C-alpha atoms as a PDB file:
ATOM      1  CA  UNK A   1     -10.863 -17.009  -2.520  1.00  0.00           C
ATOM      2  CA  UNK A   2      -7.375 -18.505  -2.283  1.00  0.00           C
ATOM      3  CA  UNK A   3      -7.587 -22.286  -2.208  1.00  0.00           C
ATOM      4  CA  UNK A   4      -5.083 -22.415   0.657  1.00  0.00           C
ATOM      5  CA  UNK A   5      -7.438 -20.592   3.032  1.00  0.00           C
ATOM      6  CA  UNK A   6     -10.259 -22.887   4.238  1.00  0.00           C
ATOM      7  CA  UNK A   7     -13.699 -21.442   4.880  1.00  0.00           C
ATOM      8  CA  UNK A   8     -13.614 -22.715   8.438  1.00  0.00           C
ATOM      9  CA  UNK A   9     -10.376 -20.920   9.353  1.00  0.00           C
ATOM     10  CA  UNK A  10     -10.842 -18.667  12.374  1.00  0.00           C
ATOM     11  CA  UNK A  11     -10.958 -14.943  11.687  1.00  0.00           C
ATOM     12  CA  UNK A  12      -8.153 -12.842  13.149  1.00  0.00           C
ATOM     13  CA  UNK A  13      -8.601 -11.072  16.464  1.00  0.00           C
ATOM     14  CA  UNK A  14     -10.774  -7.953  15.944  1.00  0.00           C
ATOM     15  CA  UNK A  15      -9.116  -4.558  16.039  1.00  0.00           C
ATOM     16  CA  UNK A  16      -9.814  -2.090  18.807  1.00  0.00           C
ATOM     17  CA  UNK A  17     -11.309   0.744  16.740  1.00  0.00           C
ATOM     18  CA  UNK A  18     -10.682   4.311  17.864  1.00  0.00           C
ATOM     19  CA  UNK A  19     -13.549   6.663  16.883  1.00  0.00           C
ATOM     20  CA  UNK A  20     -12.266   9.420  14.599  1.00  0.00           C
ATOM     21  CA  UNK A  21     -13.471  12.982  15.161  1.00  0.00           C
ATOM     22  CA  UNK A  22     -13.040  15.728  12.598  1.00  0.00           C
ATOM     23  CA  UNK A  23     -14.731  18.835  11.327  1.00  0.00           C
ATOM     24  CA  UNK A  24     -13.422  22.063   9.890  1.00  0.00           C
ATOM     25  CA  UNK A  25     -13.086  25.177  12.050  1.00  0.00           C
ATOM     26  CA  UNK A  26     -12.286  23.373  15.286  1.00  0.00           C
ATOM     27  CA  UNK A  27      -9.075  23.799  17.250  1.00  0.00           C
ATOM     28  CA  UNK A  28      -6.445  21.081  17.219  1.00  0.00           C
ATOM     29  CA  UNK A  29      -6.505  21.087  21.016  1.00  0.00           C
ATOM     30  CA  UNK A  30     -10.227  20.212  20.920  1.00  0.00           C
ATOM     31  CA  UNK A  31      -9.669  17.482  18.324  1.00  0.00           C
ATOM     32  CA  UNK A  32      -6.875  15.882  20.349  1.00  0.00           C
ATOM     33  CA  UNK A  33      -9.043  16.058  23.478  1.00  0.00           C
ATOM     34  CA  UNK A  34     -11.951  14.329  21.703  1.00  0.00           C
ATOM     35  CA  UNK A  35      -9.608  11.382  21.023  1.00  0.00           C
ATOM     36  CA  UNK A  36      -8.434  11.296  24.632  1.00  0.00           C
ATOM     37  CA  UNK A  37      -5.015  12.706  23.718  1.00  0.00           C
ATOM     38  CA  UNK A  38      -3.101  15.781  24.787  1.00  0.00           C
ATOM     39  CA  UNK A  39      -1.766  18.543  22.550  1.00  0.00           C
ATOM     40  CA  UNK A  40       1.952  19.008  21.798  1.00  0.00           C
ATOM     41  CA  UNK A  41       3.810  22.304  21.858  1.00  0.00           C
ATOM     42  CA  UNK A  42       4.994  21.614  18.312  1.00  0.00           C
ATOM     43  CA  UNK A  43       4.085  18.939  15.739  1.00  0.00           C
ATOM     44  CA  UNK A  44       6.137  15.838  15.138  1.00  0.00           C
ATOM     45  CA  UNK A  45       8.047  15.505  11.883  1.00  0.00           C
ATOM     46  CA  UNK A  46       6.359  13.196   9.353  1.00  0.00           C
ATOM     47  CA  UNK A  47       8.020  10.775   6.899  1.00  0.00           C
ATOM     48  CA  UNK A  48       5.944   9.183   4.121  1.00  0.00           C
ATOM     49  CA  UNK A  49       7.664   6.104   2.669  1.00  0.00           C
ATOM     50  CA  UNK A  50       6.488   4.038  -0.307  1.00  0.00           C
ATOM     51  CA  UNK A  51       7.623   1.309  -2.670  1.00  0.00           C
ATOM     52  CA  UNK A  52       6.799   2.509  -6.176  1.00  0.00           C
ATOM     53  CA  UNK A  53       5.824   0.453  -9.219  1.00  0.00           C
ATOM     54  CA  UNK A  54       3.962   2.479 -11.856  1.00  0.00           C
ATOM     55  CA  UNK A  55       1.074   4.330 -10.146  1.00  0.00           C
ATOM     56  CA  UNK A  56       2.004   7.871 -11.260  1.00  0.00           C
ATOM     57  CA  UNK A  57      -1.466   9.408 -10.929  1.00  0.00           C
ATOM     58  CA  UNK A  58      -2.189   7.989  -7.477  1.00  0.00           C
ATOM     59  CA  UNK A  59       1.278   9.002  -6.289  1.00  0.00           C
ATOM     60  CA  UNK A  60       0.562  12.591  -7.402  1.00  0.00           C
ATOM     61  CA  UNK A  61      -2.819  12.616  -5.637  1.00  0.00           C
ATOM     62  CA  UNK A  62      -1.259  11.093  -2.512  1.00  0.00           C
ATOM     63  CA  UNK A  63       1.647  13.530  -2.313  1.00  0.00           C
ATOM     64  CA  UNK A  64      -0.565  16.561  -3.009  1.00  0.00           C
ATOM     65  CA  UNK A  65      -2.914  15.419  -0.215  1.00  0.00           C
ATOM     66  CA  UNK A  66      -0.103  14.964   2.301  1.00  0.00           C
ATOM     67  CA  UNK A  67       2.238  17.764   1.157  1.00  0.00           C
ATOM     68  CA  UNK A  68       1.271  20.342   3.828  1.00  0.00           C
ATOM     69  CA  UNK A  69       2.232  17.995   6.666  1.00  0.00           C
ATOM     70  CA  UNK A  70       5.049  15.743   5.418  1.00  0.00           C
ATOM     71  CA  UNK A  71       8.651  16.600   6.301  1.00  0.00           C
ATOM     72  CA  UNK A  72      10.258  14.101   3.938  1.00  0.00           C
ATOM     73  CA  UNK A  73       8.877  11.948   1.127  1.00  0.00           C
ATOM     74  CA  UNK A  74      10.807   8.680   0.744  1.00  0.00           C
ATOM     75  CA  UNK A  75      10.407   6.577  -2.407  1.00  0.00           C
ATOM     76  CA  UNK A  76      12.158   3.369  -3.399  1.00  0.00           C
ATOM     77  CA  UNK A  77      11.935   1.988  -6.932  1.00  0.00           C
ATOM     78  CA  UNK A  78      13.200  -1.300  -8.350  1.00  0.00           C
ATOM     79  CA  UNK A  79      13.929  -2.493 -11.888  1.00  0.00           C
ATOM     80  CA  UNK A  80      12.067  -5.680 -10.956  1.00  0.00           C
ATOM     81  CA  UNK A  81       8.477  -6.456 -10.053  1.00  0.00           C
ATOM     82  CA  UNK A  82       7.761  -8.586  -6.983  1.00  0.00           C
ATOM     83  CA  UNK A  83       7.230 -11.505  -9.392  1.00  0.00           C
ATOM     84  CA  UNK A  84      10.705 -11.044 -10.939  1.00  0.00           C
ATOM     85  CA  UNK A  85       9.678  -9.380 -14.188  1.00  0.00           C
ATOM     86  CA  UNK A  86      11.992  -6.630 -15.488  1.00  0.00           C
ATOM     87  CA  UNK A  87      10.416  -3.165 -15.319  1.00  0.00           C
ATOM     88  CA  UNK A  88      11.598   0.309 -16.273  1.00  0.00           C
ATOM     89  CA  UNK A  89      12.296   2.916 -13.596  1.00  0.00           C
ATOM     90  CA  UNK A  90       8.998   4.720 -14.128  1.00  0.00           C
ATOM     91  CA  UNK A  91       9.459   7.341 -11.418  1.00  0.00           C
ATOM     92  CA  UNK A  92      12.989   8.189 -12.556  1.00  0.00           C
ATOM     93  CA  UNK A  93      11.701   8.687 -16.110  1.00  0.00           C
ATOM     94  CA  UNK A  94       8.943  11.005 -14.864  1.00  0.00           C
ATOM     95  CA  UNK A  95      10.772  12.774 -12.043  1.00  0.00           C
ATOM     96  CA  UNK A  96      10.142  16.186 -13.598  1.00  0.00           C
ATOM     97  CA  UNK A  97       6.397  15.724 -12.965  1.00  0.00           C
ATOM     98  CA  UNK A  98       7.100  15.555  -9.228  1.00  0.00           C
ATOM     99  CA  UNK A  99       9.274  18.656  -8.954  1.00  0.00           C
ATOM    100  CA  UNK A 100       6.892  20.038  -6.303  1.00  0.00           C
ATOM    101  CA  UNK A 101       8.368  17.589  -3.743  1.00  0.00           C
ATOM    102  CA  UNK A 102      11.994  17.772  -4.921  1.00  0.00           C
ATOM    103  CA  UNK A 103      13.346  19.694  -1.882  1.00  0.00           C
ATOM    104  CA  UNK A 104      11.752  17.125   0.454  1.00  0.00           C
ATOM    105  CA  UNK A 105      12.368  13.940  -1.574  1.00  0.00           C
ATOM    106  CA  UNK A 106      14.707  11.069  -0.739  1.00  0.00           C
ATOM    107  CA  UNK A 107      14.704   8.804  -3.798  1.00  0.00           C
ATOM    108  CA  UNK A 108      16.441   5.459  -4.131  1.00  0.00           C
ATOM    109  CA  UNK A 109      16.650   2.563  -6.561  1.00  0.00           C
ATOM    110  CA  UNK A 110      17.353  -1.096  -5.938  1.00  0.00           C
ATOM    111  CA  UNK A 111      18.284  -3.816  -8.403  1.00  0.00           C
ATOM    112  CA  UNK A 112      15.999  -6.816  -8.583  1.00  0.00           C
ATOM    113  CA  UNK A 113      17.383 -10.271  -7.817  1.00  0.00           C
ATOM    114  CA  UNK A 114      15.364 -11.977 -10.610  1.00  0.00           C
ATOM    115  CA  UNK A 115      15.095 -15.332  -8.823  1.00  0.00           C
ATOM    116  CA  UNK A 116      12.988 -17.520 -11.099  1.00  0.00           C
ATOM    117  CA  UNK A 117      10.195 -19.433  -9.357  1.00  0.00           C
ATOM    118  CA  UNK A 118      10.665 -17.666  -6.033  1.00  0.00           C
ATOM    119  CA  UNK A 119       7.669 -16.674  -3.911  1.00  0.00           C
ATOM    120  CA  UNK A 120       6.915 -13.019  -4.821  1.00  0.00           C
ATOM    121  CA  UNK A 121       6.590 -12.100  -1.157  1.00  0.00           C
ATOM    122  CA  UNK A 122      10.336 -12.786  -0.713  1.00  0.00           C
ATOM    123  CA  UNK A 123      11.229 -10.090  -3.260  1.00  0.00           C
ATOM    124  CA  UNK A 124       8.674  -7.763  -1.689  1.00  0.00           C
ATOM    125  CA  UNK A 125      10.220  -8.277   1.767  1.00  0.00           C
ATOM    126  CA  UNK A 126      13.709  -7.679   0.296  1.00  0.00           C
ATOM    127  CA  UNK A 127      12.588  -4.317  -1.105  1.00  0.00           C
ATOM    128  CA  UNK A 128      10.934  -3.307   2.180  1.00  0.00           C
ATOM    129  CA  UNK A 129      14.216  -3.941   4.052  1.00  0.00           C
ATOM    130  CA  UNK A 130      15.947  -1.633   1.557  1.00  0.00           C
ATOM    131  CA  UNK A 131      13.299   0.995   2.316  1.00  0.00           C
ATOM    132  CA  UNK A 132      14.314   0.833   6.000  1.00  0.00           C
ATOM    133  CA  UNK A 133      17.846   1.772   4.947  1.00  0.00           C
ATOM    134  CA  UNK A 134      16.581   4.618   2.751  1.00  0.00           C
ATOM    135  CA  UNK A 135      14.595   6.014   5.680  1.00  0.00           C
ATOM    136  CA  UNK A 136      17.772   6.236   7.744  1.00  0.00           C
ATOM    137  CA  UNK A 137      19.433   8.102   4.866  1.00  0.00           C
ATOM    138  CA  UNK A 138      16.452  10.462   4.834  1.00  0.00           C
ATOM    139  CA  UNK A 139      17.243  11.362   8.448  1.00  0.00           C
ATOM    140  CA  UNK A 140      14.352   9.845  10.388  1.00  0.00           C
ATOM    141  CA  UNK A 141      14.782  10.098  14.160  1.00  0.00           C
ATOM    142  CA  UNK A 142      13.227   8.928  17.429  1.00  0.00           C
ATOM    143  CA  UNK A 143       9.473   9.710  17.713  1.00  0.00           C
ATOM    144  CA  UNK A 144       9.125  11.046  14.155  1.00  0.00           C
ATOM    145  CA  UNK A 145       5.909   9.810  12.537  1.00  0.00           C
ATOM    146  CA  UNK A 146       6.378   7.211   9.799  1.00  0.00           C
ATOM    147  CA  UNK A 147       3.552   6.411   7.377  1.00  0.00           C
ATOM    148  CA  UNK A 148       3.750   2.802   6.118  1.00  0.00           C
ATOM    149  CA  UNK A 149       1.353   2.158   3.259  1.00  0.00           C
ATOM    150  CA  UNK A 150       1.237   1.302  -0.419  1.00  0.00           C
ATOM    151  CA  UNK A 151       0.936   4.150  -2.920  1.00  0.00           C
ATOM    152  CA  UNK A 152      -2.783   3.419  -3.417  1.00  0.00           C
ATOM    153  CA  UNK A 153      -3.465   3.535   0.356  1.00  0.00           C
ATOM    154  CA  UNK A 154      -3.820   7.285   0.896  1.00  0.00           C
ATOM    155  CA  UNK A 155      -4.229   8.701   4.407  1.00  0.00           C
ATOM    156  CA  UNK A 156      -6.289  11.886   4.566  1.00  0.00           C
ATOM    157  CA  UNK A 157      -4.378  15.099   5.278  1.00  0.00           C
ATOM    158  CA  UNK A 158      -6.402  15.888   8.400  1.00  0.00           C
ATOM    159  CA  UNK A 159      -5.638  12.419   9.820  1.00  0.00           C
ATOM    160  CA  UNK A 160      -1.887  12.964   9.538  1.00  0.00           C
ATOM    161  CA  UNK A 161      -2.163  16.494  10.908  1.00  0.00           C
ATOM    162  CA  UNK A 162      -4.077  15.138  13.918  1.00  0.00           C
ATOM    163  CA  UNK A 163      -1.448  12.478  14.632  1.00  0.00           C
ATOM    164  CA  UNK A 164       1.500  14.854  14.333  1.00  0.00           C
ATOM    165  CA  UNK A 165      -0.023  17.356  16.795  1.00  0.00           C
ATOM    166  CA  UNK A 166      -1.503  15.018  19.426  1.00  0.00           C
ATOM    167  CA  UNK A 167       0.450  13.616  22.358  1.00  0.00           C
ATOM    168  CA  UNK A 168       0.085  10.081  23.725  1.00  0.00           C
ATOM    169  CA  UNK A 169      -1.061   8.513  20.439  1.00  0.00           C
ATOM    170  CA  UNK A 170      -0.453   4.738  20.189  1.00  0.00           C
ATOM    171  CA  UNK A 171       3.122   3.840  19.144  1.00  0.00           C
ATOM    172  CA  UNK A 172       1.724   1.829  16.198  1.00  0.00           C
ATOM    173  CA  UNK A 173      -1.672   2.781  14.813  1.00  0.00           C
ATOM    174  CA  UNK A 174      -3.347   1.135  11.825  1.00  0.00           C
ATOM    175  CA  UNK A 175      -5.530   3.316   9.603  1.00  0.00           C
ATOM    176  CA  UNK A 176      -8.982   2.185   8.523  1.00  0.00           C
ATOM    177  CA  UNK A 177      -9.405   3.267   4.900  1.00  0.00           C
ATOM    178  CA  UNK A 178     -12.386   3.188   2.556  1.00  0.00           C
ATOM    179  CA  UNK A 179     -11.869   0.488  -0.080  1.00  0.00           C
ATOM    180  CA  UNK A 180     -12.517   1.445  -3.703  1.00  0.00           C
ATOM    181  CA  UNK A 181     -12.051  -0.674  -6.814  1.00  0.00           C
ATOM    182  CA  UNK A 182     -10.982   0.655 -10.285  1.00  0.00           C
ATOM    183  CA  UNK A 183     -12.019   4.231  -9.348  1.00  0.00           C
ATOM    184  CA  UNK A 184     -13.902   6.169  -6.674  1.00  0.00           C
ATOM    185  CA  UNK A 185     -17.105   5.088  -8.421  1.00  0.00           C
ATOM    186  CA  UNK A 186     -16.967   1.604  -6.904  1.00  0.00           C
ATOM    187  CA  UNK A 187     -17.007   1.781  -3.117  1.00  0.00           C
ATOM    188  CA  UNK A 188     -16.458  -1.701  -1.676  1.00  0.00           C
ATOM    189  CA  UNK A 189     -16.305  -1.322   2.132  1.00  0.00           C
ATOM    190  CA  UNK A 190     -14.294   0.303   4.932  1.00  0.00           C
ATOM    191  CA  UNK A 191     -12.213  -2.730   5.876  1.00  0.00           C
ATOM    192  CA  UNK A 192      -8.795  -1.706   4.570  1.00  0.00           C
ATOM    193  CA  UNK A 193      -6.415  -1.718   7.558  1.00  0.00           C
ATOM    194  CA  UNK A 194      -2.865  -2.433   6.324  1.00  0.00           C
ATOM    195  CA  UNK A 195      -1.809   1.231   6.236  1.00  0.00           C
ATOM    196  CA  UNK A 196      -0.211   2.269   9.526  1.00  0.00           C
ATOM    197  CA  UNK A 197       1.471   5.184  11.280  1.00  0.00           C
ATOM    198  CA  UNK A 198       4.407   4.600  13.640  1.00  0.00           C
ATOM    199  CA  UNK A 199       6.195   6.667  16.222  1.00  0.00           C
ATOM    200  CA  UNK A 200       9.648   5.760  14.971  1.00  0.00           C
ATOM    201  CA  UNK A 201      11.997   3.817  17.237  1.00  0.00           C
ATOM    202  CA  UNK A 202      15.579   3.464  15.922  1.00  0.00           C
ATOM    203  CA  UNK A 203      16.618  -0.180  15.748  1.00  0.00           C
ATOM    204  CA  UNK A 204      13.053  -1.348  16.462  1.00  0.00           C
ATOM    205  CA  UNK A 205      10.721   0.018  13.747  1.00  0.00           C
ATOM    206  CA  UNK A 206      10.714  -2.072  10.553  1.00  0.00           C
ATOM    207  CA  UNK A 207       8.872  -1.173   7.374  1.00  0.00           C
ATOM    208  CA  UNK A 208       6.146  -3.764   6.796  1.00  0.00           C
ATOM    209  CA  UNK A 209       2.693  -4.211   5.309  1.00  0.00           C
ATOM    210  CA  UNK A 210       1.103  -6.629   7.753  1.00  0.00           C
ATOM    211  CA  UNK A 211      -0.687  -6.299  11.080  1.00  0.00           C
ATOM    212  CA  UNK A 212       1.604  -4.707  13.659  1.00  0.00           C
ATOM    213  CA  UNK A 213      -0.828  -3.690  16.409  1.00  0.00           C
ATOM    214  CA  UNK A 214      -4.407  -4.249  17.558  1.00  0.00           C
ATOM    215  CA  UNK A 215      -5.479  -0.598  17.285  1.00  0.00           C
ATOM    216  CA  UNK A 216      -7.025   1.070  14.221  1.00  0.00           C
ATOM    217  CA  UNK A 217      -8.205   4.662  13.706  1.00  0.00           C
ATOM    218  CA  UNK A 218     -11.580   4.800  11.974  1.00  0.00           C
ATOM    219  CA  UNK A 219     -12.238   6.569   8.628  1.00  0.00           C
ATOM    220  CA  UNK A 220      -8.671   7.731   7.957  1.00  0.00           C
ATOM    221  CA  UNK A 221      -8.448   7.892   4.156  1.00  0.00           C
ATOM    222  CA  UNK A 222      -8.865   5.939   0.929  1.00  0.00           C
ATOM    223  CA  UNK A 223      -7.582   2.727  -0.661  1.00  0.00           C
ATOM    224  CA  UNK A 224      -8.122   2.802  -4.426  1.00  0.00           C
ATOM    225  CA  UNK A 225      -7.133  -0.626  -5.751  1.00  0.00           C
ATOM    226  CA  UNK A 226      -6.429  -1.154  -9.471  1.00  0.00           C
ATOM    227  CA  UNK A 227      -7.214   2.522 -10.121  1.00  0.00           C
ATOM    228  CA  UNK A 228      -5.387   3.003 -13.419  1.00  0.00           C
ATOM    229  CA  UNK A 229      -5.819   5.316 -16.412  1.00  0.00           C
ATOM    230  CA  UNK A 230      -4.782   2.796 -19.096  1.00  0.00           C
ATOM    231  CA  UNK A 231      -5.721  -0.854 -19.732  1.00  0.00           C
ATOM    232  CA  UNK A 232      -2.018  -1.632 -20.229  1.00  0.00           C
ATOM    233  CA  UNK A 233      -1.444  -0.633 -16.586  1.00  0.00           C
ATOM    234  CA  UNK A 234      -4.041  -3.167 -15.443  1.00  0.00           C
ATOM    235  CA  UNK A 235      -2.279  -5.895 -17.439  1.00  0.00           C
ATOM    236  CA  UNK A 236       1.090  -4.943 -15.976  1.00  0.00           C
ATOM    237  CA  UNK A 237      -0.222  -4.923 -12.391  1.00  0.00           C
ATOM    238  CA  UNK A 238      -1.965  -8.280 -12.834  1.00  0.00           C
ATOM    239  CA  UNK A 239       1.326  -9.833 -13.942  1.00  0.00           C
ATOM    240  CA  UNK A 240       3.527  -7.953 -11.522  1.00  0.00           C
ATOM    241  CA  UNK A 241       2.129  -7.916  -8.029  1.00  0.00           C
ATOM    242  CA  UNK A 242       2.581 -10.411  -5.228  1.00  0.00           C
ATOM    243  CA  UNK A 243      -0.774 -12.150  -5.801  1.00  0.00           C
ATOM    244  CA  UNK A 244      -0.069 -12.888  -9.477  1.00  0.00           C
ATOM    245  CA  UNK A 245      -1.040 -16.518  -8.888  1.00  0.00           C
ATOM    246  CA  UNK A 246      -4.609 -15.299  -9.328  1.00  0.00           C
ATOM    247  CA  UNK A 247      -4.038 -14.841 -13.083  1.00  0.00           C
ATOM    248  CA  UNK A 248      -5.047 -18.402 -13.848  1.00  0.00           C
ATOM    249  CA  UNK A 249      -5.895 -18.044 -17.535  1.00  0.00           C
ATOM    250  CA  UNK A 250      -4.314 -15.913 -20.275  1.00  0.00           C
ATOM    251  CA  UNK A 251      -7.714 -14.568 -21.393  1.00  0.00           C
ATOM    252  CA  UNK A 252      -7.894 -12.704 -18.050  1.00  0.00           C
ATOM    253  CA  UNK A 253      -5.370 -10.285 -19.597  1.00  0.00           C
ATOM    254  CA  UNK A 254      -7.478  -9.587 -22.707  1.00  0.00           C
ATOM    255  CA  UNK A 255      -7.906  -5.760 -22.900  1.00  0.00           C
ATOM    256  CA  UNK A 256     -11.516  -6.037 -24.040  1.00  0.00           C
ATOM    257  CA  UNK A 257     -12.369  -8.281 -21.093  1.00  0.00           C
ATOM    258  CA  UNK A 258     -10.598  -5.941 -18.649  1.00  0.00           C
ATOM    259  CA  UNK A 259     -12.530  -2.926 -19.946  1.00  0.00           C
ATOM    260  CA  UNK A 260     -15.794  -4.835 -19.596  1.00  0.00           C
ATOM    261  CA  UNK A 261     -14.920  -5.827 -16.018  1.00  0.00           C
ATOM    262  CA  UNK A 262     -14.110  -2.211 -15.075  1.00  0.00           C
ATOM    263  CA  UNK A 263     -17.423  -0.867 -16.347  1.00  0.00           C
ATOM    264  CA  UNK A 264     -19.410  -3.655 -14.670  1.00  0.00           C
ATOM    265  CA  UNK A 265     -17.538  -3.425 -11.370  1.00  0.00           C
ATOM    266  CA  UNK A 266     -16.880  -7.167 -11.408  1.00  0.00           C
ATOM    267  CA  UNK A 267     -13.769  -9.129 -10.385  1.00  0.00           C
ATOM    268  CA  UNK A 268     -10.662  -8.996 -12.600  1.00  0.00           C
ATOM    269  CA  UNK A 269      -9.570 -12.396 -11.323  1.00  0.00           C
ATOM    270  CA  UNK A 270     -12.996 -14.052 -11.403  1.00  0.00           C
ATOM    271  CA  UNK A 271     -12.551 -15.231  -7.824  1.00  0.00           C
ATOM    272  CA  UNK A 272     -14.453 -14.991  -4.567  1.00  0.00           C
ATOM    273  CA  UNK A 273     -13.072 -12.278  -2.276  1.00  0.00           C
ATOM    274  CA  UNK A 274     -10.701 -13.232   0.538  1.00  0.00           C
ATOM    275  CA  UNK A 275     -13.151 -13.080   3.429  1.00  0.00           C
ATOM    276  CA  UNK A 276     -13.563 -15.396   6.384  1.00  0.00           C
ATOM    277  CA  UNK A 277     -17.276 -15.983   6.824  1.00  0.00           C
ATOM    278  CA  UNK A 278     -19.952 -17.430   4.564  1.00  0.00           C
ATOM    279  CA  UNK A 279     -22.096 -14.347   5.225  1.00  0.00           C
ATOM    280  CA  UNK A 280     -19.379 -11.983   3.951  1.00  0.00           C
ATOM    281  CA  UNK A 281     -18.624 -14.187   0.953  1.00  0.00           C
ATOM    282  CA  UNK A 282     -22.258 -14.291  -0.136  1.00  0.00           C
ATOM    283  CA  UNK A 283     -22.585 -10.559   0.493  1.00  0.00           C
ATOM    284  CA  UNK A 284     -19.664  -9.763  -1.829  1.00  0.00           C
ATOM    285  CA  UNK A 285     -20.509 -12.069  -4.729  1.00  0.00           C
ATOM    286  CA  UNK A 286     -21.378 -10.235  -7.936  1.00  0.00           C
ATOM    287  CA  UNK A 287     -20.499  -6.717  -9.058  1.00  0.00           C
ATOM    288  CA  UNK A 288     -19.643  -3.842  -6.734  1.00  0.00           C
ATOM    289  CA  UNK A 289     -22.575  -1.397  -6.770  1.00  0.00           C
ATOM    290  CA  UNK A 290     -21.895   2.018  -8.271  1.00  0.00           C
ATOM    291  CA  UNK A 291     -21.546   5.028  -6.011  1.00  0.00           C
ATOM    292  CA  UNK A 292     -22.606   8.440  -7.251  1.00  0.00           C
ATOM    293  CA  UNK A 293     -20.876  10.282  -4.423  1.00  0.00           C
ATOM    294  CA  UNK A 294     -17.653  12.232  -4.874  1.00  0.00           C
ATOM    295  CA  UNK A 295     -17.873  13.796  -1.411  1.00  0.00           C
ATOM    296  CA  UNK A 296     -14.856  13.685   0.949  1.00  0.00           C
ATOM    297  CA  UNK A 297     -12.345  12.560  -1.673  1.00  0.00           C
ATOM    298  CA  UNK A 298      -8.749  13.838  -1.928  1.00  0.00           C
ATOM    299  CA  UNK A 299      -8.902  17.573  -2.605  1.00  0.00           C
ATOM    300  CA  UNK A 300      -6.339  17.559  -5.421  1.00  0.00           C
ATOM    301  CA  UNK A 301      -8.438  14.991  -7.285  1.00  0.00           C
ATOM    302  CA  UNK A 302     -11.500  17.258  -7.235  1.00  0.00           C
ATOM    303  CA  UNK A 303      -9.452  20.393  -7.972  1.00  0.00           C
ATOM    304  CA  UNK A 304      -8.204  18.622 -11.118  1.00  0.00           C
ATOM    305  CA  UNK A 305     -11.318  16.619 -11.951  1.00  0.00           C
ATOM    306  CA  UNK A 306     -10.951  16.902 -15.729  1.00  0.00           C
ATOM    307  CA  UNK A 307      -7.396  15.547 -15.650  1.00  0.00           C
ATOM    308  CA  UNK A 308      -8.418  12.601 -13.445  1.00  0.00           C
ATOM    309  CA  UNK A 309     -12.008  12.092 -14.577  1.00  0.00           C
ATOM    310  CA  UNK A 310     -11.439   8.342 -15.029  1.00  0.00           C
ATOM    311  CA  UNK A 311     -11.266   8.135 -11.218  1.00  0.00           C
ATOM    312  CA  UNK A 312     -14.649   9.805 -10.713  1.00  0.00           C
ATOM    313  CA  UNK A 313     -18.225   8.441 -11.074  1.00  0.00           C
ATOM    314  CA  UNK A 314     -19.515   8.025 -14.626  1.00  0.00           C
ATOM    315  CA  UNK A 315     -16.168   7.612 -16.398  1.00  0.00           C
ATOM    316  CA  UNK A 316     -15.391   3.896 -16.525  1.00  0.00           C
ATOM    317  CA  UNK A 317     -14.076   3.769 -20.130  1.00  0.00           C
ATOM    318  CA  UNK A 318     -10.267   3.858 -20.042  1.00  0.00           C
ATOM    319  CA  UNK A 319      -7.980   5.765 -22.381  1.00  0.00           C
ATOM    320  CA  UNK A 320      -6.020   3.883 -25.027  1.00  0.00           C
ATOM    321  CA  UNK A 321      -2.286   3.519 -24.647  1.00  0.00           C
ATOM    322  CA  UNK A 322       0.281   0.801 -25.335  1.00  0.00           C
ATOM    323  CA  UNK A 323       2.791   1.407 -22.546  1.00  0.00           C
ATOM    324  CA  UNK A 324       2.708   2.712 -18.999  1.00  0.00           C
ATOM    325  CA  UNK A 325       5.555   5.233 -18.861  1.00  0.00           C
END
């Protein structure tokens, strides 16, 4: 738990949760009706926008999941981490691996400001403003759907298809995602809510990663946090992301320790989780229990299980590699 957040701080206002209905072989008109929405004559266009660091595998799984329904994929990459560390342009170096989205891709780069000692969230906000500009270049228009989420927050394809076809959906809708840690073997809870879908309003909609409405759609996808193939990627992420203050001791970055943590399902940062109540804190102390279910995961992941076996139950040992490109 972050020391700046007292245990007695009031929890945020609860979301209004919309029940999510889905099964195969049912008409879209019936699905929209079950949610209390009408059906459109034609689907909205969909824009999927992300800030990219180094999560090549999860980006592939995400884009393959969403490909049937996304009009334009928008990706912004910086030569700086949020914490001001120089980083290579990983996507640019691996662009050939994403040729399947090339006709629908708007790709941009932004130079880091490298302000020493600055709060990492300032750099993150700076990059998100640049993503707003890239979206306009991509041609987003009034009432297009915009997915705002990190690469590792993956909406399910049927969720996005539902929202593009249904009329009268909320203008800003958060997505409740299943939280996983290190792989889909360690299911944590279903409390991920930062991903959101917006009916775009020119001059009003701003790309952000915080709470923007009080409405959340239940069971809408997956959030796989720290789900990397190589130990070196874990080290890089621990140094690079906006919560890097959690790396309190250099031995946290020891590869042997990281591998041990992954296979035990314990906490990389050796800290209590950021929850509000004593009951939740006590409930989440200790390792995350293993899940032996690989049901209702992204279809591309299961279609290519051998290639991505480290993400599936029973494969906690990571491959050896020195870099992350």
